[in-house]
Amino acid sequence: MGKPPACTRKMGVRFSPCPLKKGSSMSSYLSKTIAEMSKKISELEEELEVSLGHNRQWAVAYEAKVEIVKKQAGEIEELKEELKQAKELPCSKRHWNYRIVSRQERCGENLTVQYGIHEVHYENDVPVSYVPHPEPVVTHDDSYIQTYQHTVDDLRTILNNMLSALEKPLLTEKDFEK
């Protein structure tokens, strides 16, 4: 057994010695070796293509995730700006209370004025909005562990707050126009 021909050791590929048998030629040996190498190269190319395909899919998915994160980052920046503006307005300058609001209502062909106790919201002590429907006197027992006295106390607090609206000037729809 001798060394394989020098041309078969190129590209770092080592083959086991293959003595030429009687009747075989160097060209048939090289043809067979080239065919084996071509097959191995094809297999490696297929593996590489599969790997690249997975990488392309991963890249597309990654780009989609990047776009989602960018969108969320933009939303976060908007929220930060809103928070910054909200912090600039002291909490003591934003509040609500009950007020009597007069509203014009059309009843058929007649125009009537309706008075109701509404929840009114303020910024810098200026009324900016109100709940369009008059407030009901209701308390909720969401936890199912409130006592009857607790519920009655809540109603008493709501009624006292509504009664304080009678001591304040009347608001009209025009008070909320900007």
Protein backbone atom coordinates (compact mmCIF):
# COMPACT_ATOMS: atom_id res chain seq x y z
CA MET A 1 0.00 0.00 0.00
CA GLY A 2 1.34 3.33 -1.01
CA LYS A 3 0.28 6.93 -0.73
CA PRO A 4 -2.66 8.09 -2.79
CA PRO A 5 -1.74 10.24 -5.72
CA ALA A 6 -0.90 13.84 -4.77
CA CYS A 7 -3.92 15.28 -6.63
CA THR A 8 -6.31 13.42 -4.26
CA ARG A 9 -4.90 15.16 -1.19
CA LYS A 10 -5.87 18.67 -2.32
CA MET A 11 -8.34 20.77 -0.30
CA GLY A 12 -7.36 18.95 2.89
CA VAL A 13 -9.34 15.84 1.95
CA ARG A 14 -7.61 12.67 2.94
CA PHE A 15 -8.46 9.40 1.32
CA SER A 16 -7.33 6.01 2.37
CA PRO A 17 -4.69 4.56 0.08
CA CYS A 18 -6.21 2.90 -2.90
CA PRO A 19 -3.79 0.69 -4.72
CA LEU A 20 -4.51 0.49 -8.34
CA LYS A 21 -5.63 -2.97 -9.26
CA LYS A 22 -4.58 -4.66 -12.38
CA GLY A 23 -6.64 -3.45 -15.23
CA SER A 24 -7.68 -0.20 -13.56
CA SER A 25 -6.23 3.05 -14.62
CA MET A 26 -5.41 6.22 -12.80
CA SER A 27 -8.14 8.03 -14.78
CA SER A 28 -10.88 5.66 -13.55
CA TYR A 29 -9.62 6.07 -9.99
CA LEU A 30 -9.67 9.86 -10.32
CA SER A 31 -13.12 9.79 -11.97
CA LYS A 32 -14.50 7.80 -9.06
CA THR A 33 -12.81 10.13 -6.55
CA ILE A 34 -14.16 13.22 -8.33
CA ALA A 35 -17.68 11.72 -8.36
CA GLU A 36 -17.48 11.08 -4.59
CA MET A 37 -16.19 14.60 -4.00
CA SER A 38 -18.94 16.07 -6.19
CA LYS A 39 -21.55 14.13 -4.25
CA LYS A 40 -20.11 15.38 -0.93
CA ILE A 41 -20.05 18.97 -2.25
CA SER A 42 -23.71 18.65 -3.32
CA GLU A 43 -24.66 17.37 0.13
CA LEU A 44 -22.82 20.26 1.78
CA GLU A 45 -24.49 22.76 -0.58
CA GLU A 46 -27.92 21.31 0.32
CA GLU A 47 -27.13 21.59 4.04
CA LEU A 48 -25.94 25.17 3.50
CA GLU A 49 -29.11 26.03 1.53
CA VAL A 50 -31.30 24.59 4.29
CA SER A 51 -29.31 26.50 6.86
CA LEU A 52 -29.57 29.71 4.83
CA GLY A 53 -33.30 29.13 4.40
CA HIS A 54 -33.72 28.85 8.16
CA ASN A 55 -31.58 31.94 8.57
CA ARG A 56 -33.76 33.85 6.06
CA GLN A 57 -36.90 32.81 7.95
CA TRP A 58 -35.26 33.83 11.20
CA ALA A 59 -34.21 37.16 9.68
CA VAL A 60 -37.77 37.88 8.49
CA ALA A 61 -39.16 37.01 11.92
CA TYR A 62 -36.48 39.12 13.58
CA GLU A 63 -37.28 42.11 11.33
CA ALA A 64 -40.97 41.76 12.22
CA LYS A 65 -40.09 41.73 15.92
CA VAL A 66 -37.88 44.79 15.45
CA GLU A 67 -40.80 46.64 13.81
CA ILE A 68 -43.11 45.70 16.69
CA VAL A 69 -40.53 46.90 19.22
CA LYS A 70 -40.07 50.17 17.29
CA LYS A 71 -43.84 50.71 17.29
CA GLN A 72 -44.02 49.98 21.01
CA ALA A 73 -41.07 52.31 21.60
CA GLY A 74 -42.95 55.06 19.77
CA GLU A 75 -46.04 54.41 21.88
CA ILE A 76 -43.89 54.48 25.01
CA GLU A 77 -42.43 57.84 23.94
CA GLU A 78 -45.95 59.20 23.41
CA LEU A 79 -46.96 57.96 26.86
CA LYS A 80 -43.82 59.51 28.37
CA GLU A 81 -44.75 62.84 26.77
CA GLU A 82 -48.31 62.60 28.10
CA LEU A 83 -46.95 61.74 31.54
CA LYS A 84 -44.55 64.67 31.37
CA GLN A 85 -47.41 67.01 30.50
CA ALA A 86 -49.53 65.50 33.26
CA LYS A 87 -46.72 66.02 35.77
CA GLU A 88 -46.43 69.65 34.72
CA LEU A 89 -50.05 70.12 35.77
CA PRO A 90 -50.16 69.75 39.55
CA CYS A 91 -52.61 67.15 40.79
CA SER A 92 -54.22 69.73 43.04
CA LYS A 93 -55.19 71.60 39.86
CA ARG A 94 -57.05 68.59 38.43
CA HIS A 95 -60.12 67.50 40.25
CA TRP A 96 -63.82 66.82 39.97
CA ASN A 97 -66.93 67.45 41.97
CA TYR A 98 -70.69 67.46 41.63
CA ARG A 99 -72.28 70.56 40.12
CA ILE A 100 -75.70 71.55 38.85
CA VAL A 101 -75.55 71.86 35.07
CA SER A 102 -78.38 73.27 32.97
CA ARG A 103 -78.76 71.80 29.51
CA GLN A 104 -81.14 72.64 26.71
CA GLU A 105 -83.10 69.67 25.46
CA ARG A 106 -85.43 69.48 22.49
CA CYS A 107 -88.72 67.85 23.33
CA GLY A 108 -90.64 67.57 20.08
CA GLU A 109 -90.86 71.14 18.76
CA ASN A 110 -90.27 72.69 22.18
CA LEU A 111 -86.91 73.62 23.67
CA THR A 112 -86.74 72.87 27.39
CA VAL A 113 -84.05 73.42 30.03
CA GLN A 114 -83.04 70.43 32.10
CA TYR A 115 -81.22 70.79 35.45
CA GLY A 116 -79.24 67.93 36.87
CA ILE A 117 -76.41 67.11 39.23
CA HIS A 118 -73.43 66.09 37.06
CA GLU A 119 -69.86 65.04 37.69
CA VAL A 120 -67.74 68.00 36.49
CA HIS A 121 -63.98 67.79 35.77
CA TYR A 122 -61.58 70.72 36.19
CA GLU A 123 -58.08 71.70 35.10
CA ASN A 124 -56.54 74.69 36.85
CA ASP A 125 -59.88 75.21 38.59
CA VAL A 126 -61.63 75.72 35.23
CA PRO A 127 -64.45 73.34 34.33
CA VAL A 128 -63.39 71.45 31.18
CA SER A 129 -65.87 68.58 30.91
CA TYR A 130 -68.85 66.93 32.53
CA VAL A 131 -70.60 63.58 32.42
CA PRO A 132 -73.56 64.14 30.07
CA HIS A 133 -76.09 62.19 32.15
CA PRO A 134 -77.07 63.32 35.65
CA GLU A 135 -75.47 61.23 38.37
CA PRO A 136 -77.57 58.54 40.07
CA VAL A 137 -77.28 58.04 43.80
CA VAL A 138 -75.88 54.52 43.79
CA THR A 139 -73.17 52.66 45.64
CA HIS A 140 -71.75 49.31 44.62
CA ASP A 141 -71.05 46.32 46.81
CA ASP A 142 -68.43 44.82 44.50
CA SER A 143 -66.56 42.86 47.11
CA TYR A 144 -69.61 41.25 48.74
CA ILE A 145 -67.98 41.81 52.12
CA GLN A 146 -69.09 45.38 52.73
CA THR A 147 -71.44 45.74 55.61
CA TYR A 148 -74.81 47.42 55.38
CA GLN A 149 -73.44 50.33 57.44
CA HIS A 150 -70.52 50.76 55.04
CA THR A 151 -72.94 50.95 52.09
CA VAL A 152 -75.16 53.46 53.91
CA ASP A 153 -72.08 55.56 54.74
CA ASP A 154 -71.11 55.57 51.05
CA LEU A 155 -74.59 56.78 50.10
CA ARG A 156 -74.44 59.47 52.78
CA THR A 157 -71.07 60.69 51.42
CA ILE A 158 -72.39 60.78 47.83
CA LEU A 159 -75.51 62.69 48.91
CA ASN A 160 -73.50 65.21 50.96
CA ASN A 161 -71.19 65.82 48.00
CA MET A 162 -74.22 66.31 45.76
CA LEU A 163 -75.81 68.67 48.27
CA SER A 164 -72.67 70.83 48.19
CA ALA A 165 -73.40 71.39 44.48
CA LEU A 166 -76.44 73.45 45.54
CA GLU A 167 -74.09 75.99 47.18
CA LYS A 168 -72.07 76.57 43.99
CA PRO A 169 -72.98 78.68 40.94
CA LEU A 170 -75.02 77.03 38.20
CA LEU A 171 -73.04 75.82 35.15
CA THR A 172 -74.37 75.74 31.61
CA GLU A 173 -73.21 73.93 28.50
CA LYS A 174 -71.51 77.15 27.38
CA ASP A 175 -69.15 76.93 30.38
CA PHE A 176 -67.54 73.91 28.72
CA GLU A 177 -67.02 75.37 25.26
CA LYS A 178 -63.40 76.04 24.41
